[in-house]
Amino acid sequence: MCINMKQIFLSILFSVMLVISGCSGLKETYNLKNCEYEYRSITNLKISNVDLSKGLTPLMIPVILNILNGNATTIPMHFTLNVDVNNPNSGAASFQELKYIINVDGVKFTEGNVTEPFFVEAGKSKVLSVDIDVDILDLVKENTRPVTENAILNFLGVSDTPSKVNLRLKPSFKVGKQTFSIPDYISVNFSFGGKSE
């Protein structure tokens, strides 16, 4: 109950700020809540500096297997998640910073921040690209192994079962030196990999 009251209070406060301030940044950030989000692609994939951006080739298979089954204390993975943002609002939509949380098949995969501003004009679409870095070994330790293994196989393009992803976004704007976030996360759901691709 307390959490719901807090959310209601924050929503009211945010709405009051929107009316009173007349700040274009505030309005544009709020407009992101009404945008439509759709998964586009995953690009720039690297595992332990092995470039997989063009897909997994037969020559890469033993290299990747050696990395995943070796004795490494860390297995870094980098990729860019690309999401189409369609803005149906009468005004622009933008953020100056963005917090994100990614859950894969119900398990928390990673979270982080985007510090590069984003802007999409009214009635237009634009690709939001989020660079993500994770440690595969940390995922295996902290999460359920089958979920992690299937997600990795989908990144490699060799799984029969798609991974269900929930992407949560919380954009923010600045007024002077103060940073303000919208009250609630924007939730984006999609699947990738498996037989759907």
N, C-alpha and C. Protein backbone atom coordinates (compact mmCIF):
# COMPACT_ATOMS: atom_id res chain seq x y z
N MET A 1 0.83 -1.20 0.00
CA MET A 1 0.00 0.00 0.00
C MET A 1 0.86 1.25 0.00
N CYS A 2 1.93 1.22 0.83
CA CYS A 2 2.83 2.37 0.90
C CYS A 2 3.51 2.61 -0.44
N ILE A 3 3.88 1.50 -1.11
CA ILE A 3 4.55 1.63 -2.39
C ILE A 3 3.60 2.25 -3.41
N ASN A 4 2.32 1.80 -3.41
CA ASN A 4 1.34 2.36 -4.35
C ASN A 4 1.12 3.85 -4.09
N MET A 5 1.03 4.23 -2.80
CA MET A 5 0.84 5.64 -2.46
C MET A 5 2.05 6.46 -2.92
N LYS A 6 3.24 5.88 -2.79
CA LYS A 6 4.45 6.58 -3.22
C LYS A 6 4.43 6.79 -4.72
N GLN A 7 4.02 5.75 -5.47
CA GLN A 7 3.96 5.85 -6.92
C GLN A 7 2.92 6.89 -7.35
N ILE A 8 1.78 6.90 -6.66
CA ILE A 8 0.74 7.89 -6.97
C ILE A 8 1.25 9.29 -6.71
N PHE A 9 1.91 9.48 -5.56
CA PHE A 9 2.45 10.79 -5.21
C PHE A 9 3.47 11.25 -6.25
N LEU A 10 4.37 10.33 -6.66
CA LEU A 10 5.39 10.70 -7.64
C LEU A 10 4.76 11.05 -8.99
N SER A 11 3.72 10.31 -9.35
CA SER A 11 3.03 10.60 -10.61
C SER A 11 2.36 11.97 -10.59
N ILE A 12 1.71 12.29 -9.44
CA ILE A 12 1.06 13.59 -9.30
C ILE A 12 2.10 14.70 -9.32
N LEU A 13 3.20 14.48 -8.58
CA LEU A 13 4.26 15.48 -8.53
C LEU A 13 4.83 15.72 -9.91
N PHE A 14 5.05 14.63 -10.65
CA PHE A 14 5.59 14.74 -12.00
C PHE A 14 4.64 15.52 -12.91
N SER A 15 3.35 15.22 -12.80
CA SER A 15 2.35 15.91 -13.62
C SER A 15 2.29 17.40 -13.30
N VAL A 16 2.37 17.73 -12.00
CA VAL A 16 2.37 19.14 -11.59
C VAL A 16 3.59 19.86 -12.14
N MET A 17 4.74 19.19 -12.07
CA MET A 17 5.96 19.78 -12.61
C MET A 17 5.83 20.00 -14.11
N LEU A 18 5.16 19.06 -14.77
CA LEU A 18 4.98 19.17 -16.22
C LEU A 18 4.16 20.40 -16.58
N VAL A 19 3.09 20.66 -15.81
CA VAL A 19 2.20 21.79 -16.07
C VAL A 19 2.87 23.11 -15.72
N ILE A 20 3.52 23.14 -14.55
CA ILE A 20 4.08 24.40 -14.04
C ILE A 20 5.33 24.84 -14.79
N SER A 21 6.23 23.90 -15.04
CA SER A 21 7.56 24.30 -15.52
C SER A 21 7.55 24.78 -16.96
N GLY A 22 6.74 24.15 -17.82
CA GLY A 22 6.78 24.51 -19.24
C GLY A 22 8.10 24.13 -19.88
N CYS A 23 8.88 23.30 -19.19
CA CYS A 23 10.20 22.90 -19.68
C CYS A 23 10.06 21.92 -20.82
N SER A 24 10.64 22.22 -21.97
CA SER A 24 10.52 21.33 -23.13
C SER A 24 11.16 19.98 -22.86
N GLY A 25 12.27 19.97 -22.12
CA GLY A 25 12.92 18.70 -21.80
C GLY A 25 12.03 17.81 -20.98
N LEU A 26 11.30 18.38 -20.04
CA LEU A 26 10.37 17.63 -19.21
C LEU A 26 9.25 17.03 -20.05
N LYS A 27 8.66 17.84 -20.92
CA LYS A 27 7.57 17.36 -21.76
C LYS A 27 8.05 16.27 -22.71
N GLU A 28 9.23 16.47 -23.28
CA GLU A 28 9.76 15.50 -24.23
C GLU A 28 10.08 14.17 -23.55
N THR A 29 10.56 14.22 -22.32
CA THR A 29 10.84 12.98 -21.59
C THR A 29 9.54 12.26 -21.26
N TYR A 30 8.54 13.02 -20.83
CA TYR A 30 7.23 12.43 -20.53
C TYR A 30 6.61 11.80 -21.78
N ASN A 31 6.86 12.39 -22.95
CA ASN A 31 6.31 11.85 -24.20
C ASN A 31 6.82 10.45 -24.51
N LEU A 32 7.97 10.09 -23.94
CA LEU A 32 8.52 8.75 -24.18
C LEU A 32 7.61 7.65 -23.66
N LYS A 33 6.80 7.98 -22.63
CA LYS A 33 5.87 6.98 -22.09
C LYS A 33 4.82 6.57 -23.12
N ASN A 34 4.50 7.48 -24.05
CA ASN A 34 3.47 7.20 -25.06
C ASN A 34 4.04 6.70 -26.38
N CYS A 35 5.36 6.54 -26.45
CA CYS A 35 5.97 6.03 -27.67
C CYS A 35 5.76 4.52 -27.78
N GLU A 36 5.92 4.01 -29.00
CA GLU A 36 5.80 2.58 -29.27
C GLU A 36 7.20 2.01 -29.48
N TYR A 37 7.47 0.89 -28.81
CA TYR A 37 8.82 0.30 -28.83
C TYR A 37 8.76 -1.09 -29.46
N GLU A 38 9.72 -1.36 -30.34
CA GLU A 38 9.76 -2.67 -31.00
C GLU A 38 11.21 -3.11 -31.19
N TYR A 39 11.48 -4.35 -30.81
CA TYR A 39 12.82 -4.92 -30.97
C TYR A 39 13.23 -4.92 -32.43
N ARG A 40 14.44 -4.46 -32.70
CA ARG A 40 14.96 -4.46 -34.07
C ARG A 40 16.04 -5.53 -34.26
N SER A 41 17.10 -5.46 -33.44
CA SER A 41 18.22 -6.39 -33.65
C SER A 41 19.21 -6.34 -32.50
N ILE A 42 20.10 -7.30 -32.51
CA ILE A 42 21.27 -7.30 -31.64
C ILE A 42 22.49 -7.29 -32.55
N THR A 43 23.37 -6.33 -32.36
CA THR A 43 24.54 -6.17 -33.22
C THR A 43 25.81 -6.03 -32.36
N ASN A 44 26.94 -5.99 -33.04
CA ASN A 44 28.25 -5.76 -32.40
C ASN A 44 28.56 -6.79 -31.31
N LEU A 45 28.15 -8.04 -31.55
CA LEU A 45 28.36 -9.08 -30.53
C LEU A 45 29.82 -9.51 -30.46
N LYS A 46 30.35 -9.50 -29.25
CA LYS A 46 31.71 -9.99 -28.99
C LYS A 46 31.71 -10.82 -27.72
N ILE A 47 32.40 -11.94 -27.74
CA ILE A 47 32.61 -12.75 -26.55
C ILE A 47 34.11 -12.91 -26.37
N SER A 48 34.63 -12.40 -25.26
CA SER A 48 36.08 -12.42 -25.00
C SER A 48 36.87 -11.90 -26.20
N ASN A 49 36.42 -10.78 -26.76
CA ASN A 49 37.06 -10.11 -27.88
C ASN A 49 36.99 -10.88 -29.20
N VAL A 50 36.22 -11.97 -29.24
CA VAL A 50 35.98 -12.66 -30.51
C VAL A 50 34.78 -11.98 -31.18
N ASP A 51 35.02 -11.42 -32.36
CA ASP A 51 33.98 -10.66 -33.06
C ASP A 51 32.99 -11.61 -33.71
N LEU A 52 31.75 -11.58 -33.20
CA LEU A 52 30.68 -12.43 -33.73
C LEU A 52 29.59 -11.61 -34.41
N SER A 53 29.92 -10.37 -34.76
CA SER A 53 28.92 -9.46 -35.32
C SER A 53 28.38 -9.92 -36.67
N LYS A 54 29.14 -10.76 -37.37
CA LYS A 54 28.69 -11.26 -38.67
C LYS A 54 28.19 -12.70 -38.57
N GLY A 55 28.03 -13.17 -37.33
CA GLY A 55 27.52 -14.52 -37.15
C GLY A 55 28.62 -15.49 -36.77
N LEU A 56 28.18 -16.66 -36.34
CA LEU A 56 29.10 -17.72 -35.91
C LEU A 56 29.49 -18.57 -37.11
N THR A 57 30.77 -18.59 -37.44
CA THR A 57 31.26 -19.40 -38.55
C THR A 57 31.81 -20.72 -38.02
N PRO A 58 31.93 -21.75 -38.88
CA PRO A 58 32.47 -23.04 -38.44
C PRO A 58 33.84 -22.92 -37.77
N LEU A 59 34.67 -22.00 -38.24
CA LEU A 59 36.00 -21.84 -37.66
C LEU A 59 35.95 -21.26 -36.25
N MET A 60 34.88 -20.51 -35.96
CA MET A 60 34.77 -19.89 -34.64
C MET A 60 34.24 -20.85 -33.58
N ILE A 61 33.55 -21.91 -33.99
CA ILE A 61 32.91 -22.81 -33.03
C ILE A 61 33.89 -23.38 -32.02
N PRO A 62 35.03 -23.97 -32.44
CA PRO A 62 35.96 -24.49 -31.43
C PRO A 62 36.55 -23.40 -30.54
N VAL A 63 36.72 -22.20 -31.08
CA VAL A 63 37.26 -21.09 -30.28
C VAL A 63 36.28 -20.71 -29.18
N ILE A 64 35.00 -20.57 -29.54
CA ILE A 64 33.98 -20.19 -28.56
C ILE A 64 33.78 -21.31 -27.54
N LEU A 65 33.76 -22.56 -27.99
CA LEU A 65 33.62 -23.68 -27.06
C LEU A 65 34.77 -23.73 -26.07
N ASN A 66 35.96 -23.44 -26.54
CA ASN A 66 37.13 -23.42 -25.67
C ASN A 66 37.02 -22.32 -24.63
N ILE A 67 36.48 -21.15 -25.04
CA ILE A 67 36.29 -20.04 -24.11
C ILE A 67 35.25 -20.39 -23.05
N LEU A 68 34.11 -20.92 -23.50
CA LEU A 68 33.01 -21.21 -22.59
C LEU A 68 33.29 -22.38 -21.66
N ASN A 69 34.11 -23.34 -22.11
CA ASN A 69 34.38 -24.53 -21.30
C ASN A 69 35.76 -24.50 -20.64
N GLY A 70 36.47 -23.38 -20.80
CA GLY A 70 37.82 -23.28 -20.24
C GLY A 70 37.81 -22.91 -18.76
N ASN A 71 38.97 -22.49 -18.29
CA ASN A 71 39.14 -22.16 -16.88
C ASN A 71 39.24 -20.65 -16.64
N ALA A 72 38.69 -19.87 -17.56
CA ALA A 72 38.76 -18.41 -17.41
C ALA A 72 38.00 -17.96 -16.18
N THR A 73 38.50 -16.90 -15.56
CA THR A 73 37.82 -16.34 -14.38
C THR A 73 36.80 -15.29 -14.77
N THR A 74 36.82 -14.89 -16.03
CA THR A 74 35.84 -13.93 -16.54
C THR A 74 35.64 -14.17 -18.03
N ILE A 75 34.40 -14.08 -18.49
CA ILE A 75 34.10 -14.21 -19.92
C ILE A 75 33.25 -13.00 -20.30
N PRO A 76 33.88 -11.89 -20.70
CA PRO A 76 33.11 -10.69 -21.05
C PRO A 76 32.35 -10.86 -22.35
N MET A 77 31.14 -10.35 -22.36
CA MET A 77 30.33 -10.34 -23.58
C MET A 77 29.81 -8.92 -23.80
N HIS A 78 29.96 -8.44 -25.01
CA HIS A 78 29.48 -7.10 -25.38
C HIS A 78 28.51 -7.24 -26.54
N PHE A 79 27.43 -6.45 -26.51
CA PHE A 79 26.52 -6.39 -27.64
C PHE A 79 25.76 -5.08 -27.61
N THR A 80 25.17 -4.73 -28.73
CA THR A 80 24.33 -3.55 -28.83
C THR A 80 22.89 -3.99 -29.09
N LEU A 81 21.99 -3.58 -28.20
CA LEU A 81 20.57 -3.87 -28.36
C LEU A 81 19.92 -2.69 -29.07
N ASN A 82 19.28 -2.96 -30.20
CA ASN A 82 18.66 -1.91 -31.00
C ASN A 82 17.13 -2.03 -30.95
N VAL A 83 16.49 -0.94 -30.56
CA VAL A 83 15.04 -0.91 -30.41
C VAL A 83 14.47 0.25 -31.23
N ASP A 84 13.43 -0.03 -32.04
CA ASP A 84 12.75 1.03 -32.79
C ASP A 84 11.84 1.80 -31.85
N VAL A 85 11.95 3.12 -31.87
CA VAL A 85 11.09 3.99 -31.06
C VAL A 85 10.24 4.82 -32.00
N ASN A 86 8.93 4.57 -32.00
CA ASN A 86 7.99 5.32 -32.83
C ASN A 86 7.26 6.34 -31.97
N ASN A 87 7.36 7.61 -32.34
CA ASN A 87 6.78 8.70 -31.55
C ASN A 87 5.47 9.19 -32.15
N PRO A 88 4.31 8.81 -31.58
CA PRO A 88 3.01 9.25 -32.10
C PRO A 88 2.54 10.58 -31.49
N ASN A 89 3.34 11.14 -30.59
CA ASN A 89 2.97 12.38 -29.91
C ASN A 89 2.98 13.57 -30.87
N SER A 90 2.34 14.65 -30.46
CA SER A 90 2.34 15.88 -31.26
C SER A 90 3.63 16.67 -31.06
N GLY A 91 4.41 16.27 -30.06
CA GLY A 91 5.70 16.92 -29.80
C GLY A 91 6.82 15.90 -29.77
N ALA A 92 8.05 16.39 -29.75
CA ALA A 92 9.22 15.51 -29.74
C ALA A 92 9.27 14.70 -28.45
N ALA A 93 10.04 13.60 -28.48
CA ALA A 93 10.28 12.77 -27.31
C ALA A 93 11.79 12.62 -27.15
N SER A 94 12.27 12.76 -25.91
CA SER A 94 13.73 12.71 -25.73
C SER A 94 14.09 12.38 -24.28
N PHE A 95 15.33 12.02 -24.09
CA PHE A 95 15.89 11.91 -22.75
C PHE A 95 17.34 12.38 -22.79
N GLN A 96 17.84 12.75 -21.63
CA GLN A 96 19.26 13.10 -21.51
C GLN A 96 20.05 11.95 -20.92
N GLU A 97 19.39 11.15 -20.09
CA GLU A 97 20.00 9.94 -19.56
C GLU A 97 18.92 8.86 -19.48
N LEU A 98 19.36 7.61 -19.43
CA LEU A 98 18.40 6.50 -19.41
C LEU A 98 18.94 5.37 -18.53
N LYS A 99 18.11 4.90 -17.61
CA LYS A 99 18.44 3.71 -16.83
C LYS A 99 17.70 2.53 -17.45
N TYR A 100 18.38 1.38 -17.56
CA TYR A 100 17.72 0.20 -18.12
C TYR A 100 17.97 -1.03 -17.26
N ILE A 101 17.00 -1.94 -17.29
CA ILE A 101 17.10 -3.25 -16.64
C ILE A 101 16.63 -4.28 -17.65
N ILE A 102 17.41 -5.34 -17.83
CA ILE A 102 17.06 -6.39 -18.78
C ILE A 102 16.86 -7.71 -18.04
N ASN A 103 15.68 -8.30 -18.23
CA ASN A 103 15.39 -9.63 -17.71
C ASN A 103 15.21 -10.59 -18.88
N VAL A 104 15.83 -11.76 -18.78
CA VAL A 104 15.71 -12.78 -19.82
C VAL A 104 15.05 -14.01 -19.22
N ASP A 105 13.92 -14.40 -19.78
CA ASP A 105 13.16 -15.55 -19.28
C ASP A 105 12.94 -15.47 -17.77
N GLY A 106 12.59 -14.28 -17.29
CA GLY A 106 12.27 -14.09 -15.88
C GLY A 106 13.46 -13.92 -14.96
N VAL A 107 14.66 -13.92 -15.51
CA VAL A 107 15.87 -13.80 -14.70
C VAL A 107 16.58 -12.48 -15.04
N LYS A 108 17.00 -11.75 -14.02
CA LYS A 108 17.71 -10.48 -14.25
C LYS A 108 19.03 -10.74 -14.94
N PHE A 109 19.19 -10.11 -16.11
CA PHE A 109 20.38 -10.31 -16.94
C PHE A 109 21.43 -9.24 -16.63
N THR A 110 21.01 -8.00 -16.67
CA THR A 110 21.93 -6.90 -16.36
C THR A 110 21.15 -5.59 -16.23
N GLU A 111 21.81 -4.56 -15.76
CA GLU A 111 21.24 -3.21 -15.72
C GLU A 111 22.37 -2.22 -15.95
N GLY A 112 21.99 -1.01 -16.32
CA GLY A 112 23.01 0.00 -16.57
C GLY A 112 22.39 1.33 -16.95
N ASN A 113 23.23 2.21 -17.49
CA ASN A 113 22.79 3.56 -17.83
C ASN A 113 23.28 3.96 -19.22
N VAL A 114 22.45 4.72 -19.91
CA VAL A 114 22.83 5.34 -21.18
C VAL A 114 22.98 6.82 -20.90
N THR A 115 24.16 7.36 -21.18
CA THR A 115 24.42 8.77 -20.88
C THR A 115 24.41 9.65 -22.13
N GLU A 116 24.22 9.03 -23.29
CA GLU A 116 24.13 9.81 -24.53
C GLU A 116 22.69 10.21 -24.78
N PRO A 117 22.40 11.50 -24.95
CA PRO A 117 21.02 11.96 -25.17
C PRO A 117 20.38 11.32 -26.39
N PHE A 118 19.05 11.21 -26.34
CA PHE A 118 18.28 10.60 -27.43
C PHE A 118 17.12 11.53 -27.76
N PHE A 119 16.82 11.67 -29.06
CA PHE A 119 15.77 12.59 -29.50
C PHE A 119 15.07 12.01 -30.72
N VAL A 120 13.72 11.99 -30.71
CA VAL A 120 12.96 11.57 -31.87
C VAL A 120 11.83 12.57 -32.10
N GLU A 121 11.72 13.06 -33.31
CA GLU A 121 10.73 14.08 -33.64
C GLU A 121 9.31 13.52 -33.59
N ALA A 122 8.35 14.41 -33.47
CA ALA A 122 6.93 14.02 -33.47
C ALA A 122 6.58 13.32 -34.77
N GLY A 123 5.87 12.19 -34.66
CA GLY A 123 5.45 11.47 -35.85
C GLY A 123 6.56 10.71 -36.55
N LYS A 124 7.74 10.64 -35.96
CA LYS A 124 8.88 9.97 -36.59
C LYS A 124 9.30 8.75 -35.77
N SER A 125 10.17 7.95 -36.37
CA SER A 125 10.75 6.80 -35.69
C SER A 125 12.27 6.92 -35.69
N LYS A 126 12.87 6.35 -34.65
CA LYS A 126 14.32 6.37 -34.55
C LYS A 126 14.78 5.14 -33.78
N VAL A 127 15.98 4.67 -34.08
CA VAL A 127 16.52 3.50 -33.41
C VAL A 127 17.26 3.92 -32.15
N LEU A 128 16.86 3.33 -31.02
CA LEU A 128 17.56 3.51 -29.76
C LEU A 128 18.54 2.36 -29.62
N SER A 129 19.84 2.67 -29.56
CA SER A 129 20.88 1.65 -29.45
C SER A 129 21.50 1.71 -28.05
N VAL A 130 21.50 0.56 -27.38
CA VAL A 130 22.01 0.47 -26.02
C VAL A 130 23.19 -0.49 -26.00
N ASP A 131 24.38 0.02 -25.68
CA ASP A 131 25.57 -0.82 -25.58
C ASP A 131 25.59 -1.51 -24.22
N ILE A 132 25.74 -2.83 -24.23
CA ILE A 132 25.63 -3.62 -23.01
C ILE A 132 26.86 -4.51 -22.84
N ASP A 133 27.38 -4.54 -21.62
CA ASP A 133 28.51 -5.39 -21.27
C ASP A 133 28.12 -6.25 -20.08
N VAL A 134 28.33 -7.56 -20.21
CA VAL A 134 28.05 -8.48 -19.11
C VAL A 134 29.18 -9.49 -19.01
N ASP A 135 29.28 -10.15 -17.86
CA ASP A 135 30.22 -11.23 -17.67
C ASP A 135 29.42 -12.53 -17.64
N ILE A 136 29.65 -13.40 -18.61
CA ILE A 136 28.89 -14.64 -18.70
C ILE A 136 29.03 -15.48 -17.44
N LEU A 137 30.23 -15.52 -16.86
CA LEU A 137 30.43 -16.33 -15.66
C LEU A 137 29.62 -15.80 -14.48
N ASP A 138 29.47 -14.48 -14.39
CA ASP A 138 28.64 -13.91 -13.33
C ASP A 138 27.19 -14.32 -13.51
N LEU A 139 26.74 -14.38 -14.75
CA LEU A 139 25.36 -14.78 -15.01
C LEU A 139 25.13 -16.24 -14.61
N VAL A 140 26.11 -17.09 -14.90
CA VAL A 140 25.98 -18.50 -14.56
C VAL A 140 25.97 -18.69 -13.05
N LYS A 141 26.77 -17.90 -12.34
CA LYS A 141 26.83 -18.02 -10.88
C LYS A 141 25.55 -17.52 -10.22
N GLU A 142 25.05 -16.38 -10.71
CA GLU A 142 23.95 -15.71 -10.03
C GLU A 142 22.57 -16.17 -10.49
N ASN A 143 22.47 -16.66 -11.69
CA ASN A 143 21.16 -17.01 -12.23
C ASN A 143 21.06 -18.50 -12.51
N THR A 144 19.90 -18.92 -12.94
CA THR A 144 19.73 -20.33 -13.25
C THR A 144 20.49 -20.67 -14.53
N ARG A 145 21.24 -21.74 -14.50
CA ARG A 145 22.11 -22.10 -15.61
C ARG A 145 21.37 -22.33 -16.93
N PRO A 146 20.24 -23.06 -16.95
CA PRO A 146 19.55 -23.29 -18.23
C PRO A 146 19.14 -22.01 -18.94
N VAL A 147 18.66 -21.01 -18.18
CA VAL A 147 18.26 -19.74 -18.78
C VAL A 147 19.46 -19.05 -19.41
N THR A 148 20.57 -19.01 -18.66
CA THR A 148 21.78 -18.36 -19.16
C THR A 148 22.31 -19.06 -20.40
N GLU A 149 22.36 -20.38 -20.36
CA GLU A 149 22.90 -21.14 -21.49
C GLU A 149 22.04 -20.93 -22.73
N ASN A 150 20.71 -20.95 -22.58
CA ASN A 150 19.83 -20.76 -23.73
C ASN A 150 19.98 -19.35 -24.30
N ALA A 151 20.12 -18.35 -23.41
CA ALA A 151 20.32 -16.96 -23.88
C ALA A 151 21.60 -16.84 -24.69
N ILE A 152 22.68 -17.45 -24.19
CA ILE A 152 23.97 -17.39 -24.90
C ILE A 152 23.84 -18.09 -26.26
N LEU A 153 23.16 -19.24 -26.29
CA LEU A 153 22.96 -19.95 -27.56
C LEU A 153 22.15 -19.11 -28.54
N ASN A 154 21.19 -18.34 -28.03
CA ASN A 154 20.42 -17.45 -28.91
C ASN A 154 21.27 -16.31 -29.43
N PHE A 155 22.17 -15.78 -28.59
CA PHE A 155 23.10 -14.76 -29.08
C PHE A 155 23.96 -15.33 -30.21
N LEU A 156 24.34 -16.59 -30.06
CA LEU A 156 25.17 -17.24 -31.08
C LEU A 156 24.36 -17.71 -32.28
N GLY A 157 23.01 -17.69 -32.14
CA GLY A 157 22.15 -18.09 -33.25
C GLY A 157 22.01 -19.58 -33.44
N VAL A 158 22.18 -20.36 -32.36
CA VAL A 158 22.14 -21.82 -32.52
C VAL A 158 21.13 -22.49 -31.58
N SER A 159 20.21 -21.74 -31.00
CA SER A 159 19.20 -22.32 -30.12
C SER A 159 17.89 -22.52 -30.86
N ASP A 160 17.17 -23.59 -30.48
CA ASP A 160 15.84 -23.84 -31.05
C ASP A 160 14.75 -23.11 -30.27
N THR A 161 15.08 -22.66 -29.06
CA THR A 161 14.09 -22.05 -28.19
C THR A 161 14.36 -20.57 -28.02
N PRO A 162 13.43 -19.69 -28.45
CA PRO A 162 13.64 -18.24 -28.29
C PRO A 162 13.75 -17.84 -26.83
N SER A 163 14.46 -16.77 -26.57
CA SER A 163 14.53 -16.19 -25.23
C SER A 163 13.54 -15.04 -25.15
N LYS A 164 12.77 -15.02 -24.07
CA LYS A 164 11.81 -13.94 -23.85
C LYS A 164 12.48 -12.84 -23.03
N VAL A 165 12.43 -11.64 -23.54
CA VAL A 165 13.15 -10.52 -22.92
C VAL A 165 12.17 -9.45 -22.45
N ASN A 166 12.42 -8.96 -21.24
CA ASN A 166 11.70 -7.79 -20.74
C ASN A 166 12.72 -6.68 -20.52
N LEU A 167 12.58 -5.61 -21.29
CA LEU A 167 13.47 -4.45 -21.19
C LEU A 167 12.71 -3.34 -20.48
N ARG A 168 13.27 -2.87 -19.36
CA ARG A 168 12.63 -1.80 -18.60
C ARG A 168 13.47 -0.53 -18.73
N LEU A 169 12.82 0.56 -19.11
CA LEU A 169 13.51 1.83 -19.37
C LEU A 169 12.99 2.93 -18.46
N LYS A 170 13.91 3.69 -17.89
CA LYS A 170 13.50 4.86 -17.09
C LYS A 170 14.31 6.07 -17.57
N PRO A 171 13.72 6.86 -18.47
CA PRO A 171 14.41 8.05 -18.99
C PRO A 171 14.38 9.20 -17.98
N SER A 172 15.34 10.10 -18.11
CA SER A 172 15.41 11.25 -17.22
C SER A 172 15.82 12.50 -17.99
N PHE A 173 15.58 13.65 -17.37
CA PHE A 173 15.92 14.94 -17.96
C PHE A 173 16.58 15.78 -16.88
N LYS A 174 17.18 16.86 -17.28
CA LYS A 174 17.86 17.74 -16.33
C LYS A 174 17.27 19.14 -16.37
N VAL A 175 17.12 19.71 -15.19
CA VAL A 175 16.77 21.12 -15.04
C VAL A 175 17.89 21.73 -14.21
N GLY A 176 18.73 22.50 -14.87
CA GLY A 176 19.92 23.00 -14.20
C GLY A 176 20.84 21.82 -13.89
N LYS A 177 21.19 21.66 -12.63
CA LYS A 177 22.05 20.55 -12.22
C LYS A 177 21.26 19.38 -11.65
N GLN A 178 19.93 19.54 -11.59
CA GLN A 178 19.08 18.49 -11.03
C GLN A 178 18.61 17.53 -12.13
N THR A 179 18.64 16.23 -11.81
CA THR A 179 18.17 15.20 -12.73
C THR A 179 16.86 14.61 -12.22
N PHE A 180 15.86 14.50 -13.10
CA PHE A 180 14.55 13.97 -12.75
C PHE A 180 14.21 12.82 -13.68
N SER A 181 13.68 11.73 -13.11
CA SER A 181 13.24 10.58 -13.90
C SER A 181 11.72 10.51 -13.92
N ILE A 182 11.15 9.91 -14.97
CA ILE A 182 9.72 9.70 -14.97
C ILE A 182 9.38 8.71 -13.85
N PRO A 183 8.15 8.74 -13.30
CA PRO A 183 7.82 7.94 -12.12
C PRO A 183 7.93 6.43 -12.31
N ASP A 184 7.51 5.93 -13.46
CA ASP A 184 7.46 4.48 -13.68
C ASP A 184 8.37 4.06 -14.83
N TYR A 185 8.77 2.79 -14.79
CA TYR A 185 9.55 2.24 -15.90
C TYR A 185 8.65 2.03 -17.12
N ILE A 186 9.23 2.19 -18.30
CA ILE A 186 8.59 1.82 -19.55
C ILE A 186 8.99 0.37 -19.81
N SER A 187 8.00 -0.50 -20.01
CA SER A 187 8.28 -1.92 -20.18
C SER A 187 8.16 -2.32 -21.65
N VAL A 188 9.21 -2.98 -22.18
CA VAL A 188 9.23 -3.43 -23.56
C VAL A 188 9.48 -4.94 -23.56
N ASN A 189 8.57 -5.70 -24.16
CA ASN A 189 8.69 -7.16 -24.19
C ASN A 189 8.90 -7.65 -25.62
N PHE A 190 9.83 -8.60 -25.78
CA PHE A 190 10.07 -9.18 -27.09
C PHE A 190 10.80 -10.52 -26.94
N SER A 191 10.87 -11.27 -28.02
CA SER A 191 11.62 -12.52 -28.06
C SER A 191 12.70 -12.41 -29.13
N PHE A 192 13.80 -13.13 -28.93
CA PHE A 192 14.82 -13.17 -29.96
C PHE A 192 15.43 -14.56 -30.01
N GLY A 193 15.98 -14.90 -31.18
CA GLY A 193 16.61 -16.19 -31.35
C GLY A 193 15.61 -17.29 -31.64
N GLY A 194 16.10 -18.52 -31.53
CA GLY A 194 15.26 -19.69 -31.76
C GLY A 194 14.72 -19.76 -33.17
N LYS A 195 13.58 -20.38 -33.33
CA LYS A 195 12.99 -20.58 -34.65
C LYS A 195 12.28 -19.34 -35.17
N SER A 196 12.19 -18.28 -34.29
CA SER A 196 11.49 -17.06 -34.71
C SER A 196 12.35 -16.21 -35.63
N GLU A 197 13.68 -16.49 -35.68
CA GLU A 197 14.55 -15.67 -36.53
C GLU A 197 15.01 -16.47 -37.76
